[in-house]
Amino acid sequence: MIAGTVFITVLVGCSMIDEDQSDCGQEAKMDYELQLVTNMTTEVQTQLSTQADIALAASLKNFLSSIFTDFAHDISLSFYDTKGDSVRLYYDEHIMNDSEHSYTLYIPRQRYMHLAVANIKEDPVVRLENAENCHDAVLRQIDGDTINSHNTGIFTARLPMEMIEGIDQTFYVKLYMANCAAMLVVDPQDYDISGMRVFTTGFATAFHIADSVYEFKTPAPLIRTKRMEPDENGNVGFISVNFPSREPSTPQPAAANVTRTVIETTEPFIAQPGDEVLWEFRIYLPQSDGTITETILGIKEPLRAGQLKIVRVRINNGQVETENDATEVAISVTLDWKPGGAYNSHL
């Protein structure tokens, strides 16, 4: 696991809350830490471990450098009343472009619930909605049967704050990653994969920040992967960045929720494969006879916040074969798949 830290002290003129600065109160210092808890290094070392994989591993790390990062481009800060409808009393946002930044914050002394979100300004796929009330604040993907991958690693935090009259205080806020990534590594073995398309599916579509709960829709949207350049051996990586999957044995009705599990645990990414498929790679490969073969790789291990999962396949006479443990992946093949049909999935 990798733990990265960004310290931010937030400072805002109290006139943004009350023009009468006599009610500003004492100074409150806010220290923010971006906690990058990830298995990326371990997964790359495990799945891309040979001498022939060195170039691909380096390219992947570079490709994901803006996702698995402890760098905050932007941060949005909301302070909510803890009574009644928990309305937002104060909001501020900053473009940081740095690992450290300092401000001064003055707000009236009372109890607050504080929510923070980092790195959503440059991600057109995910937006912050309903943030005027604490328990309605949600990070939601754009709608669509098929959508693009996330562009950034998104971090969130929640902290109850008891601000006491008459003393200066320091509050420590830890932000954790809310999304994750999946990679399909394809060994073409001299087969033409220039027309191959790869999607992922089965992931959450929204994250409720205050309650740390993910929201799912059925059917789940398809996520377009980003295609990497071939390495020196011709291997090609397809990567999607998205919200996590469900956990094993979680009920799966429409709009089911699953609680986020990766928060300062010792081994947050260890999970044994179960019997149920939790998420999928969907691979569409044109054949020499003009048909398209659809191969669905059903993954039986959860994909959690902060996690990278790599699945390796090879092309054998136009067919996709997995190189991973068979207990992890269920394979379904449609030899003459017709585009434009209805998208059917229980995920």
Protein backbone atom coordinates (compact mmCIF):
# COMPACT_ATOMS: atom_id res chain seq x y z
CA MET A 1 0.00 0.00 0.00
CA ILE A 2 1.07 3.60 -0.58
CA ALA A 3 0.25 6.36 1.87
CA GLY A 4 0.72 9.92 0.60
CA THR A 5 0.05 13.06 2.59
CA VAL A 6 -0.90 16.58 1.58
CA PHE A 7 -1.22 19.15 4.36
CA ILE A 8 -3.50 22.12 3.73
CA THR A 9 -4.34 24.84 6.19
CA VAL A 10 -7.55 26.58 5.12
CA LEU A 11 -7.98 30.32 5.56
CA VAL A 12 -11.01 32.32 4.61
CA GLY A 13 -11.97 35.91 5.52
CA CYS A 14 -14.96 35.74 7.81
CA SER A 15 -16.70 38.44 5.78
CA MET A 16 -17.82 35.59 3.51
CA ILE A 17 -20.06 34.47 6.37
CA ASP A 18 -20.89 37.68 8.18
CA GLU A 19 -19.99 41.23 7.12
CA ASP A 20 -19.85 42.16 10.79
CA GLN A 21 -16.43 40.78 11.68
CA SER A 22 -16.95 41.33 15.38
CA ASP A 23 -18.64 37.92 15.38
CA CYS A 24 -15.81 36.19 13.58
CA GLY A 25 -14.59 34.28 16.61
CA GLN A 26 -11.19 32.68 17.15
CA GLU A 27 -8.94 31.19 14.50
CA ALA A 28 -9.55 27.56 13.51
CA LYS A 29 -6.78 25.67 11.76
CA MET A 30 -7.71 22.87 9.36
CA ASP A 31 -5.05 20.32 8.41
CA TYR A 32 -6.08 18.16 5.44
CA GLU A 33 -4.29 14.92 4.57
CA LEU A 34 -4.82 13.07 1.28
CA GLN A 35 -4.45 9.42 2.25
CA LEU A 36 -3.54 7.44 -0.85
CA VAL A 37 -4.19 3.88 0.28
CA THR A 38 -3.67 1.71 -2.79
CA ASN A 39 -2.37 -1.66 -3.95
CA MET A 40 -1.08 -0.27 -7.25
CA THR A 41 2.61 -1.07 -6.66
CA THR A 42 1.82 -4.58 -5.39
CA GLU A 43 -0.56 -5.35 -8.26
CA VAL A 44 1.91 -4.15 -10.89
CA GLN A 45 4.74 -6.15 -9.32
CA THR A 46 2.55 -9.26 -9.18
CA GLN A 47 0.89 -9.14 -12.60
CA LEU A 48 3.66 -7.42 -14.60
CA SER A 49 6.59 -9.19 -13.02
CA THR A 50 8.74 -10.49 -15.89
CA GLN A 51 11.60 -8.78 -17.69
CA ALA A 52 9.37 -8.50 -20.74
CA ASP A 53 6.81 -6.53 -18.69
CA ILE A 54 9.16 -3.74 -17.56
CA ALA A 55 8.18 -1.31 -20.30
CA LEU A 56 4.46 -2.00 -19.88
CA ALA A 57 4.67 -1.57 -16.10
CA ALA A 58 6.45 1.78 -16.49
CA SER A 59 3.91 2.94 -19.06
CA LEU A 60 1.03 1.93 -16.79
CA LYS A 61 2.43 3.81 -13.80
CA ASN A 62 2.81 6.91 -15.94
CA PHE A 63 -0.71 6.45 -17.35
CA LEU A 64 -2.20 6.26 -13.85
CA SER A 65 -0.06 9.00 -12.32
CA SER A 66 -3.01 11.42 -12.28
CA ILE A 67 -5.31 8.80 -10.72
CA PHE A 68 -3.31 7.17 -7.92
CA THR A 69 -1.81 10.40 -6.63
CA ASP A 70 -1.47 12.33 -3.40
CA PHE A 71 -1.64 15.63 -5.28
CA ALA A 72 -4.74 17.80 -4.92
CA HIS A 73 -5.57 20.04 -7.88
CA ASP A 74 -8.73 21.45 -6.34
CA ILE A 75 -10.61 21.10 -3.08
CA SER A 76 -14.20 21.96 -2.11
CA LEU A 77 -15.06 22.56 1.55
CA SER A 78 -18.56 22.52 3.05
CA PHE A 79 -19.58 23.17 6.65
CA TYR A 80 -23.08 22.08 7.68
CA ASP A 81 -25.40 22.76 10.57
CA THR A 82 -26.00 19.65 12.69
CA LYS A 83 -29.59 20.61 13.48
CA GLY A 84 -32.77 20.34 11.45
CA ASP A 85 -32.15 19.76 7.76
CA SER A 86 -28.35 20.01 8.14
CA VAL A 87 -28.14 22.93 5.72
CA ARG A 88 -24.81 24.15 4.45
CA LEU A 89 -23.72 27.26 6.36
CA TYR A 90 -20.41 27.87 4.67
CA TYR A 91 -18.74 26.80 1.43
CA ASP A 92 -15.38 27.52 -0.15
CA GLU A 93 -13.24 26.04 -2.90
CA HIS A 94 -9.62 26.46 -3.91
CA ILE A 95 -7.42 25.62 -6.87
CA MET A 96 -4.30 24.33 -5.15
CA ASN A 97 -1.98 22.91 -7.83
CA ASP A 98 0.40 22.05 -5.03
CA SER A 99 1.03 19.52 -2.33
CA GLU A 100 0.77 22.18 0.40
CA HIS A 101 -1.25 25.33 0.81
CA SER A 102 -2.01 27.63 3.72
CA TYR A 103 -5.02 29.79 4.57
CA THR A 104 -6.73 31.13 7.72
CA LEU A 105 -10.31 30.16 8.62
CA TYR A 106 -12.71 32.10 10.88
CA ILE A 107 -16.26 30.84 11.34
CA PRO A 108 -18.74 31.19 14.22
CA ARG A 109 -18.27 28.72 17.08
CA GLN A 110 -20.78 25.87 16.96
CA ARG A 111 -21.09 22.24 15.94
CA TYR A 112 -20.56 21.45 12.25
CA MET A 113 -20.43 18.45 10.01
CA HIS A 114 -17.63 19.10 7.55
CA LEU A 115 -17.42 17.48 4.09
CA ALA A 116 -14.47 17.89 1.73
CA VAL A 117 -14.01 16.76 -1.89
CA ALA A 118 -10.77 16.94 -3.89
CA ASN A 119 -10.02 16.64 -7.62
CA ILE A 120 -13.43 16.96 -9.30
CA LYS A 121 -12.86 20.18 -11.25
CA GLU A 122 -11.07 18.41 -14.09
CA ASP A 123 -13.31 15.35 -14.25
CA PRO A 124 -16.33 15.86 -16.57
CA VAL A 125 -17.73 12.41 -15.71
CA VAL A 126 -18.30 13.02 -11.98
CA ARG A 127 -20.04 16.02 -10.43
CA LEU A 128 -20.96 17.13 -6.93
CA GLU A 129 -24.74 17.39 -6.53
CA ASN A 130 -27.26 18.36 -3.84
CA ALA A 131 -24.54 19.78 -1.61
CA GLU A 132 -26.84 22.34 0.06
CA ASN A 133 -27.80 19.69 2.63
CA CYS A 134 -25.27 17.43 4.29
CA HIS A 135 -26.89 14.03 3.84
CA ASP A 136 -27.96 14.79 0.28
CA ALA A 137 -24.44 15.65 -0.93
CA VAL A 138 -23.43 13.11 -3.55
CA LEU A 139 -20.73 12.54 -6.14
CA ARG A 140 -22.67 11.32 -9.18
CA GLN A 141 -21.57 10.10 -12.59
CA ILE A 142 -23.18 11.51 -15.70
CA ASP A 143 -26.12 9.46 -16.98
CA GLY A 144 -25.84 7.14 -19.97
CA ASP A 145 -25.82 3.52 -21.05
CA THR A 146 -22.15 3.98 -21.97
CA ILE A 147 -19.92 6.62 -20.39
CA ASN A 148 -16.24 7.55 -20.29
CA SER A 149 -13.83 6.62 -17.53
CA HIS A 150 -13.11 9.04 -14.72
CA ASN A 151 -10.25 11.45 -15.42
CA THR A 152 -8.91 11.93 -11.90
CA GLY A 153 -8.42 10.23 -8.57
CA ILE A 154 -11.25 11.62 -6.42
CA PHE A 155 -10.86 12.02 -2.66
CA THR A 156 -13.47 12.75 0.03
CA ALA A 157 -13.66 13.30 3.77
CA ARG A 158 -16.25 13.81 6.48
CA LEU A 159 -15.61 15.13 9.99
CA PRO A 160 -17.86 16.18 12.91
CA MET A 161 -16.48 19.44 14.34
CA GLU A 162 -17.15 20.79 17.83
CA MET A 163 -15.89 24.37 17.76
CA ILE A 164 -15.48 25.68 21.29
CA GLU A 165 -15.83 29.34 22.18
CA GLY A 166 -12.74 31.10 23.50
CA ILE A 167 -9.92 28.85 22.24
CA ASP A 168 -8.00 28.33 19.02
CA GLN A 169 -8.41 24.84 17.60
CA THR A 170 -6.84 22.56 15.03
CA PHE A 171 -8.89 19.97 13.14
CA TYR A 172 -7.31 17.09 11.21
CA VAL A 173 -9.19 15.89 8.14
CA LYS A 174 -8.18 12.75 6.24
CA LEU A 175 -9.36 12.40 2.64
CA TYR A 176 -9.62 8.93 1.12
CA MET A 177 -9.87 7.84 -2.50
CA ALA A 178 -13.43 7.19 -3.72
CA ASN A 179 -12.68 5.57 -7.10
CA CYS A 180 -10.44 2.82 -8.47
CA ALA A 181 -9.13 1.31 -11.73
CA ALA A 182 -9.26 -1.89 -13.77
CA MET A 183 -6.80 -2.91 -16.50
CA LEU A 184 -7.02 -5.58 -19.18
CA VAL A 185 -3.63 -6.57 -20.62
CA VAL A 186 -3.97 -8.20 -24.06
CA ASP A 187 -1.25 -10.33 -25.68
CA PRO A 188 -2.37 -10.38 -29.35
CA GLN A 189 0.03 -13.15 -30.42
CA ASP A 190 0.22 -11.62 -33.93
CA TYR A 191 -3.57 -11.28 -34.21
CA ASP A 192 -4.87 -7.92 -35.43
CA ILE A 193 -6.55 -6.23 -32.44
CA SER A 194 -6.66 -2.74 -33.92
CA GLY A 195 -10.47 -2.93 -33.98
CA MET A 196 -10.82 -4.39 -30.48
CA ARG A 197 -13.08 -2.48 -28.08
CA VAL A 198 -13.10 -3.08 -24.32
CA PHE A 199 -15.58 -1.91 -21.70
CA THR A 200 -16.06 -2.54 -17.99
CA THR A 201 -19.34 -2.69 -16.10
CA GLY A 202 -20.83 -3.51 -12.70
CA PHE A 203 -19.68 -0.46 -10.77
CA ALA A 204 -21.38 2.11 -8.56
CA THR A 205 -22.80 5.21 -10.20
CA ALA A 206 -22.73 7.57 -7.19
CA PHE A 207 -21.14 8.08 -3.77
CA HIS A 208 -22.99 9.63 -0.82
CA ILE A 209 -20.24 11.53 0.97
CA ALA A 210 -21.61 12.03 4.49
CA ASP A 211 -22.76 8.42 4.85
CA SER A 212 -19.82 6.88 2.91
CA VAL A 213 -22.24 4.77 0.87
CA TYR A 214 -22.17 3.87 -2.83
CA GLU A 215 -25.27 3.80 -5.01
CA PHE A 216 -25.85 1.32 -7.84
CA LYS A 217 -28.17 1.27 -10.84
CA THR A 218 -29.39 -1.82 -12.68
CA PRO A 219 -28.31 -2.33 -15.37
CA ALA A 220 -24.96 -0.74 -14.63
CA PRO A 221 -23.58 1.51 -17.38
CA LEU A 222 -20.73 0.39 -19.62
CA ILE A 223 -17.47 2.24 -18.96
CA ARG A 224 -15.27 2.94 -21.98
CA THR A 225 -11.66 1.95 -21.40
CA LYS A 226 -8.68 4.03 -22.45
CA ARG A 227 -6.30 2.21 -24.78
CA MET A 228 -2.58 2.36 -24.10
CA GLU A 229 0.09 2.26 -26.79
CA PRO A 230 1.50 -1.26 -27.42
CA ASP A 231 4.68 -2.11 -25.55
CA GLU A 232 7.78 -3.47 -27.29
CA ASN A 233 6.26 -6.97 -27.26
CA GLY A 234 2.94 -5.85 -28.76
CA ASN A 235 0.96 -6.14 -25.51
CA VAL A 236 -1.82 -3.57 -25.20
CA GLY A 237 -3.45 -2.27 -22.01
CA PHE A 238 -7.09 -1.16 -21.73
CA ILE A 239 -7.85 0.84 -18.57
CA SER A 240 -11.04 2.09 -16.95
CA VAL A 241 -11.28 4.36 -13.91
CA ASN A 242 -14.58 4.13 -12.05
CA PHE A 243 -16.34 3.80 -8.71
CA PRO A 244 -15.99 0.45 -6.88
CA SER A 245 -17.97 -2.74 -7.40
CA ARG A 246 -20.36 -4.33 -4.94
CA GLU A 247 -19.02 -6.51 -2.18
CA PRO A 248 -19.67 -10.29 -2.26
CA SER A 249 -23.14 -11.42 -1.14
CA THR A 250 -24.52 -7.88 -1.23
CA PRO A 251 -28.18 -7.83 -2.40
CA GLN A 252 -28.43 -6.43 -5.90
CA PRO A 253 -31.84 -4.82 -6.51
CA ALA A 254 -32.03 -1.59 -8.49
CA ALA A 255 -30.36 1.30 -6.68
CA ALA A 256 -28.88 -1.02 -4.02
CA ASN A 257 -26.18 0.49 -1.82
CA VAL A 258 -22.97 -0.88 -0.34
CA THR A 259 -20.95 0.73 2.41
CA ARG A 260 -17.41 1.74 1.62
CA THR A 261 -14.93 -0.58 3.33
CA VAL A 262 -11.46 0.83 2.59
CA ILE A 263 -10.67 3.20 5.46
CA GLU A 264 -7.38 2.62 7.29
CA THR A 265 -7.68 -1.16 7.32
CA THR A 266 -4.57 -3.33 7.43
CA GLU A 267 -5.23 -5.34 4.25
CA PRO A 268 -8.10 -3.56 2.51
CA PHE A 269 -7.67 -5.27 -0.87
CA ILE A 270 -7.52 -8.95 0.09
CA ALA A 271 -10.67 -10.84 -0.91
CA GLN A 272 -11.29 -14.46 -1.82
CA PRO A 273 -13.22 -15.13 -5.05
CA GLY A 274 -16.83 -16.13 -4.43
CA ASP A 275 -19.40 -17.75 -6.70
CA GLU A 276 -21.03 -14.55 -7.93
CA VAL A 277 -19.77 -12.23 -10.65
CA LEU A 278 -19.32 -8.72 -9.22
CA TRP A 279 -18.07 -6.82 -12.29
CA GLU A 280 -17.06 -7.49 -15.88
CA PHE A 281 -14.75 -6.80 -18.78
CA ARG A 282 -16.67 -6.84 -22.10
CA ILE A 283 -14.41 -7.43 -25.10
CA TYR A 284 -15.47 -7.00 -28.73
CA LEU A 285 -13.03 -8.45 -31.28
CA PRO A 286 -13.57 -8.28 -35.08
CA GLN A 287 -12.90 -11.59 -36.85
CA SER A 288 -11.40 -12.26 -40.28
CA ASP A 289 -14.83 -13.35 -41.60
CA GLY A 290 -16.38 -9.97 -40.74
CA THR A 291 -18.18 -11.08 -37.58
CA ILE A 292 -17.55 -9.75 -34.08
CA THR A 293 -16.90 -11.97 -31.09
CA GLU A 294 -18.10 -10.77 -27.70
CA THR A 295 -16.19 -12.14 -24.72
CA ILE A 296 -17.40 -11.32 -21.21
CA LEU A 297 -14.94 -11.83 -18.35
CA GLY A 298 -16.92 -11.96 -15.11
CA ILE A 299 -14.71 -11.04 -12.16
CA LYS A 300 -15.59 -12.66 -8.83
CA GLU A 301 -13.42 -10.49 -6.60
CA PRO A 302 -14.60 -7.00 -5.54
CA LEU A 303 -12.87 -3.89 -6.86
CA ARG A 304 -12.59 -1.44 -3.99
CA ALA A 305 -11.82 2.25 -3.59
CA GLY A 306 -8.11 2.89 -4.16
CA GLN A 307 -7.57 -0.50 -5.81
CA LEU A 308 -6.04 -1.48 -9.16
CA LYS A 309 -6.97 -4.85 -10.66
CA ILE A 310 -5.05 -6.26 -13.65
CA VAL A 311 -6.41 -9.14 -15.73
CA ARG A 312 -4.24 -10.67 -18.46
CA VAL A 313 -5.57 -12.35 -21.62
CA ARG A 314 -4.13 -13.64 -24.89
CA ILE A 315 -5.67 -14.02 -28.33
CA ASN A 316 -5.70 -17.59 -29.66
CA ASN A 317 -7.08 -17.91 -33.21
CA GLY A 318 -9.32 -14.91 -32.67
CA GLN A 319 -10.58 -16.06 -29.27
CA VAL A 320 -9.84 -14.47 -25.90
CA GLU A 321 -8.20 -16.71 -23.31
CA THR A 322 -7.55 -15.59 -19.74
CA GLU A 323 -4.16 -16.00 -18.08
CA ASN A 324 -5.51 -15.40 -14.58
CA ASP A 325 -6.65 -18.03 -12.10
CA ALA A 326 -9.84 -19.65 -13.44
CA THR A 327 -11.49 -19.32 -10.02
CA GLU A 328 -11.30 -15.53 -10.33
CA VAL A 329 -12.89 -15.19 -13.76
CA ALA A 330 -15.99 -16.58 -15.46
CA ILE A 331 -15.91 -16.50 -19.29
CA SER A 332 -18.88 -16.15 -21.64
CA VAL A 333 -18.47 -16.01 -25.44
CA THR A 334 -20.86 -14.96 -28.22
CA LEU A 335 -19.27 -15.82 -31.59
CA ASP A 336 -21.45 -13.72 -33.89
CA TRP A 337 -22.35 -10.75 -31.76
CA LYS A 338 -24.59 -8.16 -33.42
CA PRO A 339 -24.05 -4.50 -32.45
CA GLY A 340 -27.04 -2.30 -31.75
CA GLY A 341 -29.00 -4.86 -29.77
CA ALA A 342 -30.38 -4.33 -26.29
CA TYR A 343 -27.81 -4.20 -23.51
CA ASN A 344 -28.74 -6.88 -20.98
CA SER A 345 -26.95 -7.28 -17.68
CA HIS A 346 -27.90 -8.10 -14.09
CA LEU A 347 -24.95 -6.07 -12.82
